Amino acid sequence: MKQLVVAERVSLIGHIVSMVFGLVGILLVVPNAELILNLSEFGQTAMQWSMAGGGVVYMILGAAAVLLYASRTLGVGRAVAFLLPAVLISLTSELLGTSTGFPFGHYHYLSGLGYKIAGLVPFTIPLSWFYLGCVSYLLARAGLEVDTKPSLWRHIGAIGLGSLLLTSWDFVLDPAMSQTTLPFWYWQQPGAFFGMPYQNFAGWLGTGAVFMTVAALLWKNQPIKFERSQLNLPLVVYLSNFAFATVMSLAAGFSIPVLLGLLLGVTPAITLWWKASAATTQVTIEPATQEVSVASVKVALK
């Protein structure tokens, strides 16, 4: 278990460091290529690595950190039961989107995110759906106390909130990543939301809701009880990826997407994380009280 925790933390740190390198490369090096000449040999090598594979590495490490975390806290079975629907359903949506325009609109990926499946979708994209989708769903599910008082509406609420957190991150990321000096995807039909079609966000909500629903059904009604400290990794992953997208958007001059993301993504995520501790306390105390009551009755009968 200790080795698993170490691997998880190393992956998380590498994920965050890779994002920082990516920001430096995209925002400083690409617009000012002459800066590389003033760096040391090590610095030049680091920048070249960042531009060549930084995007691929940060998504692989993010997926690795979340998969290790989910395996440790939920069990391998439930971790895989989220991974497979998230990857397969998001890949299907992305392949449809890049070939037909449904459900996101007409777009295609450029270079920089790794090998393209069927020549259309970089293999790293379904991984990003998985790790951002997983942390979003776990924050929503724990914050809504789904397993303290199980009900259909709480499960629906967790899926809805998880999908909203996931889509709110895309509010901030998508406009910037498609309009930087070195864009990663291109819209054939730019839309009204800072170059994004509104259909794109409907596609994100729908795709996230579908694979979260499938995962919830595969998990059945098995209890998932988290203390606030156990949700630190999901929150850190969500906030660090939001910070990456925020820096990109602000550098591109897009402040409204950031404000929307803060309102609909960051604020609910922190609130749900904060609520999780109270939910766990109730689960822990109630059985203890019941045991004491039963014990008292037995003594009285004697």
Protein backbone atom coordinates (compact mmCIF):
# COMPACT_ATOMS: atom_id res chain seq x y z
CA MET A 1 0.00 0.00 0.00
CA LYS A 2 2.85 2.39 0.83
CA GLN A 3 4.38 1.89 -2.62
CA LEU A 4 1.00 2.62 -4.19
CA VAL A 5 0.74 5.89 -2.28
CA VAL A 6 4.26 6.89 -3.33
CA ALA A 7 3.51 6.13 -6.99
CA GLU A 8 0.26 8.09 -6.72
CA ARG A 9 2.01 11.15 -5.26
CA VAL A 10 4.86 11.01 -7.76
CA SER A 11 2.32 10.85 -10.60
CA LEU A 12 0.38 13.80 -9.15
CA ILE A 13 3.50 15.93 -8.71
CA GLY A 14 4.69 15.03 -12.20
CA HIS A 15 1.25 15.91 -13.56
CA ILE A 16 1.35 19.38 -12.02
CA VAL A 17 4.99 20.02 -12.97
CA SER A 18 4.26 18.99 -16.56
CA MET A 19 1.39 21.47 -16.71
CA VAL A 20 3.70 24.25 -15.51
CA PHE A 21 6.26 23.34 -18.18
CA GLY A 22 3.46 23.32 -20.74
CA LEU A 23 2.35 26.82 -19.74
CA VAL A 24 5.89 28.15 -19.97
CA GLY A 25 6.33 26.58 -23.39
CA ILE A 26 2.99 27.75 -24.83
CA LEU A 27 2.92 31.25 -23.35
CA LEU A 28 6.60 32.21 -23.29
CA VAL A 29 8.68 30.06 -25.59
CA VAL A 30 6.43 29.79 -28.66
CA PRO A 31 5.72 33.54 -28.94
CA ASN A 32 9.36 34.34 -28.11
CA ALA A 33 11.44 31.56 -29.64
CA GLU A 34 14.64 33.60 -29.21
CA LEU A 35 14.36 33.03 -25.45
CA ILE A 36 15.56 29.46 -25.92
CA LEU A 37 18.91 30.72 -27.17
CA ASN A 38 19.53 32.47 -23.84
CA LEU A 39 18.90 29.33 -21.80
CA SER A 40 21.51 26.87 -20.59
CA GLU A 41 21.89 23.56 -22.39
CA PHE A 42 19.74 21.92 -19.75
CA GLY A 43 17.11 24.64 -20.10
CA GLN A 44 17.02 24.26 -23.86
CA THR A 45 16.60 20.50 -23.53
CA ALA A 46 13.81 20.95 -20.97
CA MET A 47 11.94 23.40 -23.20
CA GLN A 48 12.31 21.14 -26.23
CA TRP A 49 10.97 18.22 -24.20
CA SER A 50 8.10 20.38 -22.97
CA MET A 51 7.05 21.39 -26.46
CA ALA A 52 7.50 17.92 -27.96
CA GLY A 53 5.70 15.84 -25.35
CA GLY A 54 4.57 17.96 -22.41
CA GLY A 55 0.89 17.74 -23.32
CA VAL A 56 1.05 13.97 -23.64
CA VAL A 57 2.97 13.48 -20.40
CA TYR A 58 0.75 15.65 -18.22
CA MET A 59 -2.40 13.80 -19.28
CA ILE A 60 -0.84 10.35 -18.87
CA LEU A 61 0.42 11.28 -15.39
CA GLY A 62 -2.95 12.77 -14.45
CA ALA A 63 -4.72 9.58 -15.48
CA ALA A 64 -2.14 7.48 -13.62
CA ALA A 65 -2.51 9.51 -10.40
CA VAL A 66 -6.30 9.27 -10.42
CA LEU A 67 -6.33 5.57 -11.34
CA LEU A 68 -3.90 4.75 -8.52
CA TYR A 69 -5.94 6.86 -6.11
CA ALA A 70 -9.23 5.24 -7.15
CA SER A 71 -7.70 1.75 -6.89
CA ARG A 72 -6.43 2.50 -3.39
CA THR A 73 -9.57 4.15 -2.01
CA LEU A 74 -12.36 2.43 -3.96
CA GLY A 75 -10.76 -0.87 -4.94
CA VAL A 76 -9.41 -1.98 -8.30
CA GLY A 77 -12.81 -3.26 -9.46
CA ARG A 78 -14.62 0.05 -9.03
CA ALA A 79 -11.65 2.01 -10.40
CA VAL A 80 -11.73 -0.03 -13.60
CA ALA A 81 -15.54 0.17 -13.68
CA PHE A 82 -15.18 3.94 -13.98
CA LEU A 83 -12.13 3.94 -16.25
CA LEU A 84 -13.59 1.76 -19.01
CA PRO A 85 -16.91 3.60 -19.52
CA ALA A 86 -15.19 6.99 -19.28
CA VAL A 87 -12.55 6.10 -21.88
CA LEU A 88 -14.77 4.16 -24.28
CA ILE A 89 -17.79 6.49 -24.21
CA SER A 90 -15.71 9.68 -24.44
CA LEU A 91 -13.65 8.20 -27.28
CA THR A 92 -16.86 7.30 -29.12
CA SER A 93 -18.16 10.86 -28.66
CA GLU A 94 -14.87 12.34 -29.83
CA LEU A 95 -14.70 10.09 -32.91
CA LEU A 96 -18.27 11.04 -33.78
CA GLY A 97 -17.52 14.71 -33.17
CA THR A 98 -14.41 14.82 -35.34
CA SER A 99 -16.05 12.88 -38.18
CA THR A 100 -19.71 14.05 -38.13
CA GLY A 101 -19.90 17.15 -35.91
CA PHE A 102 -22.13 15.44 -33.34
CA PRO A 103 -22.27 15.98 -30.35
CA PHE A 104 -19.73 18.83 -30.01
CA GLY A 105 -19.77 20.59 -33.38
CA HIS A 106 -17.35 20.45 -36.31
CA TYR A 107 -13.68 20.42 -35.23
CA HIS A 108 -10.49 18.47 -35.68
CA TYR A 109 -7.36 17.92 -33.61
CA LEU A 110 -3.96 19.28 -34.60
CA SER A 111 -0.61 17.90 -33.46
CA GLY A 112 0.85 18.01 -29.96
CA LEU A 113 -1.35 15.59 -28.02
CA GLY A 114 0.02 12.25 -29.17
CA TYR A 115 -0.90 9.45 -31.55
CA LYS A 116 -4.37 9.84 -33.08
CA ILE A 117 -6.81 6.94 -32.91
CA ALA A 118 -8.26 6.36 -36.40
CA GLY A 119 -6.29 9.43 -37.44
CA LEU A 120 -8.84 11.63 -35.62
CA VAL A 121 -8.56 11.67 -31.81
CA PRO A 122 -5.31 11.75 -29.78
CA PHE A 123 -5.15 8.77 -27.41
CA THR A 124 -4.60 11.18 -24.49
CA ILE A 125 -8.02 12.84 -24.87
CA PRO A 126 -10.08 9.91 -23.44
CA LEU A 127 -7.57 9.79 -20.56
CA SER A 128 -8.31 13.42 -19.73
CA TRP A 129 -12.05 12.65 -19.79
CA PHE A 130 -11.39 9.83 -17.34
CA TYR A 131 -9.32 11.62 -14.75
CA LEU A 132 -11.27 14.92 -14.75
CA GLY A 133 -14.56 13.02 -14.89
CA CYS A 134 -13.59 10.74 -12.02
CA VAL A 135 -12.52 13.51 -9.63
CA SER A 136 -15.60 15.58 -10.55
CA TYR A 137 -17.94 12.66 -9.87
CA LEU A 138 -16.25 11.68 -6.60
CA LEU A 139 -16.44 15.25 -5.27
CA ALA A 140 -20.13 15.43 -6.21
CA ARG A 141 -20.99 12.01 -4.82
CA ALA A 142 -19.18 12.48 -1.51
CA GLY A 143 -20.49 16.02 -1.05
CA LEU A 144 -24.10 14.99 -1.63
CA GLU A 145 -23.82 12.13 0.91
CA VAL A 146 -25.18 9.67 -1.63
CA ASP A 147 -24.18 6.67 0.45
CA THR A 148 -25.28 8.04 3.83
CA LYS A 149 -28.91 8.20 2.77
CA PRO A 150 -29.17 6.37 -0.56
CA SER A 151 -31.86 7.62 -2.90
CA LEU A 152 -32.41 7.87 -6.61
CA TRP A 153 -32.47 11.67 -6.50
CA ARG A 154 -29.13 11.87 -4.70
CA HIS A 155 -27.54 9.66 -7.34
CA ILE A 156 -29.05 11.75 -10.12
CA GLY A 157 -27.79 14.87 -8.36
CA ALA A 158 -24.25 13.45 -8.13
CA ILE A 159 -24.24 12.65 -11.84
CA GLY A 160 -25.62 16.08 -12.72
CA LEU A 161 -23.18 17.95 -10.48
CA GLY A 162 -20.25 15.81 -11.59
CA SER A 163 -21.07 16.55 -15.24
CA LEU A 164 -21.36 20.26 -14.46
CA LEU A 165 -17.94 20.35 -12.77
CA LEU A 166 -16.42 18.60 -15.76
CA THR A 167 -18.07 20.95 -18.26
CA SER A 168 -17.17 24.06 -16.23
CA TRP A 169 -13.51 23.17 -16.63
CA ASP A 170 -14.08 23.03 -20.39
CA PHE A 171 -15.70 26.50 -20.34
CA VAL A 172 -12.26 27.81 -19.45
CA LEU A 173 -9.97 25.43 -21.34
CA ASP A 174 -11.58 25.10 -24.75
CA PRO A 175 -11.55 28.72 -25.97
CA ALA A 176 -7.90 29.19 -25.02
CA MET A 177 -6.51 25.87 -26.27
CA SER A 178 -8.03 26.34 -29.71
CA GLN A 179 -6.82 29.94 -30.10
CA THR A 180 -3.28 30.01 -28.71
CA THR A 181 -0.15 30.70 -30.75
CA LEU A 182 0.17 26.92 -30.96
CA PRO A 183 -3.45 25.60 -31.01
CA PHE A 184 -4.26 21.97 -30.24
CA TRP A 185 -7.60 21.74 -32.06
CA TYR A 186 -9.41 23.76 -34.67
CA TRP A 187 -13.11 24.62 -35.11
CA GLN A 188 -14.37 24.59 -38.68
CA GLN A 189 -17.46 26.49 -37.55
CA PRO A 190 -16.52 28.88 -34.72
CA GLY A 191 -19.36 29.59 -32.32
CA ALA A 192 -20.72 32.51 -30.30
CA PHE A 193 -19.03 31.60 -26.98
CA PHE A 194 -15.51 32.97 -27.54
CA GLY A 195 -15.20 30.89 -30.69
CA MET A 196 -16.93 27.84 -29.20
CA PRO A 197 -20.36 26.63 -30.35
CA TYR A 198 -22.82 26.22 -27.48
CA GLN A 199 -23.40 22.72 -28.81
CA ASN A 200 -19.92 21.86 -27.57
CA PHE A 201 -20.92 22.31 -23.95
CA ALA A 202 -24.15 20.35 -24.40
CA GLY A 203 -21.96 17.55 -25.77
CA TRP A 204 -19.68 17.74 -22.74
CA LEU A 205 -22.60 17.62 -20.29
CA GLY A 206 -24.20 14.73 -22.12
CA THR A 207 -21.04 12.66 -22.56
CA GLY A 208 -20.04 13.15 -18.91
CA ALA A 209 -23.52 12.27 -17.67
CA VAL A 210 -23.62 9.09 -19.76
CA PHE A 211 -20.35 7.58 -18.56
CA MET A 212 -20.94 8.66 -14.96
CA THR A 213 -24.35 6.96 -15.09
CA VAL A 214 -22.82 3.76 -16.47
CA ALA A 215 -20.14 3.81 -13.76
CA ALA A 216 -22.76 4.40 -11.03
CA LEU A 217 -24.77 1.42 -12.29
CA LEU A 218 -21.65 -0.77 -12.33
CA TRP A 219 -20.80 0.32 -8.78
CA LYS A 220 -24.39 -0.62 -7.80
CA ASN A 221 -25.17 0.65 -4.30
CA GLN A 222 -21.86 -0.16 -2.67
CA PRO A 223 -21.01 2.43 0.00
CA ILE A 224 -18.38 5.07 -0.69
CA LYS A 225 -17.47 7.00 2.46
CA PHE A 226 -14.80 9.68 2.31
CA GLU A 227 -13.41 11.98 4.93
CA ARG A 228 -12.45 15.43 3.70
CA SER A 229 -8.76 14.53 3.75
CA GLN A 230 -9.45 11.53 1.50
CA LEU A 231 -10.81 13.91 -1.13
CA ASN A 232 -7.69 16.07 -1.22
CA LEU A 233 -6.34 14.45 -4.38
CA PRO A 234 -9.58 14.89 -6.37
CA LEU A 235 -9.74 18.53 -5.30
CA VAL A 236 -6.08 19.18 -6.10
CA VAL A 237 -6.41 17.56 -9.53
CA TYR A 238 -9.53 19.59 -10.31
CA LEU A 239 -8.13 22.91 -9.09
CA SER A 240 -4.70 22.47 -10.71
CA ASN A 241 -6.27 21.68 -14.08
CA PHE A 242 -8.63 24.62 -13.66
CA ALA A 243 -5.64 26.85 -12.85
CA PHE A 244 -3.88 25.66 -16.02
CA ALA A 245 -6.96 26.51 -18.09
CA THR A 246 -7.37 29.86 -16.29
CA VAL A 247 -3.83 31.00 -17.07
CA MET A 248 -4.33 30.00 -20.71
CA SER A 249 -7.65 31.86 -20.96
CA LEU A 250 -6.45 35.03 -19.24
CA ALA A 251 -3.37 35.09 -21.47
CA ALA A 252 -5.71 34.93 -24.46
CA GLY A 253 -7.82 37.76 -23.02
CA PHE A 254 -10.82 35.59 -22.07
CA SER A 255 -12.03 36.59 -18.59
CA ILE A 256 -15.75 35.74 -18.82
CA PRO A 257 -15.14 31.97 -19.28
CA VAL A 258 -12.92 32.08 -16.18
CA LEU A 259 -15.63 33.81 -14.14
CA LEU A 260 -18.20 31.24 -15.29
CA GLY A 261 -15.82 28.43 -14.40
CA LEU A 262 -15.22 29.88 -10.94
CA LEU A 263 -18.96 30.18 -10.35
CA LEU A 264 -20.08 26.82 -11.77
CA GLY A 265 -16.96 24.72 -11.21
CA VAL A 266 -14.52 25.83 -8.52
CA THR A 267 -17.09 27.10 -6.00
CA PRO A 268 -19.23 23.91 -6.08
CA ALA A 269 -16.09 21.71 -6.03
CA ILE A 270 -14.73 23.34 -2.87
CA THR A 271 -18.18 23.33 -1.26
CA LEU A 272 -18.68 19.62 -1.98
CA TRP A 273 -15.20 18.83 -0.64
CA TRP A 274 -15.99 20.77 2.54
CA LYS A 275 -19.32 18.99 3.04
CA ALA A 276 -17.80 15.51 2.76
CA SER A 277 -16.37 15.61 6.31
CA ALA A 278 -19.79 16.20 7.91
CA ALA A 279 -21.26 13.30 5.96
CA THR A 280 -18.56 10.94 7.22
CA THR A 281 -19.02 12.09 10.82
CA GLN A 282 -22.71 11.16 10.71
CA VAL A 283 -21.94 7.74 9.30
CA THR A 284 -19.40 7.11 12.05
CA ILE A 285 -21.41 8.35 15.03
CA GLU A 286 -24.86 6.86 14.40
CA PRO A 287 -23.84 3.18 14.51
CA ALA A 288 -21.85 3.82 17.71
CA THR A 289 -24.93 5.38 19.37
CA GLN A 290 -27.09 2.44 18.33
CA GLU A 291 -24.60 -0.04 19.77
CA VAL A 292 -24.58 1.75 23.12
CA SER A 293 -28.40 1.75 23.22
CA VAL A 294 -28.58 -1.97 22.48
CA ALA A 295 -25.94 -2.69 25.08
CA SER A 296 -27.92 -0.74 27.70
CA VAL A 297 -31.09 -2.72 26.98
CA LYS A 298 -29.25 -6.00 27.36
CA VAL A 299 -27.87 -4.95 30.73
CA ALA A 300 -31.32 -3.91 31.91
CA LEU A 301 -32.77 -7.28 30.92
CA LYS A 302 -30.18 -9.09 32.94
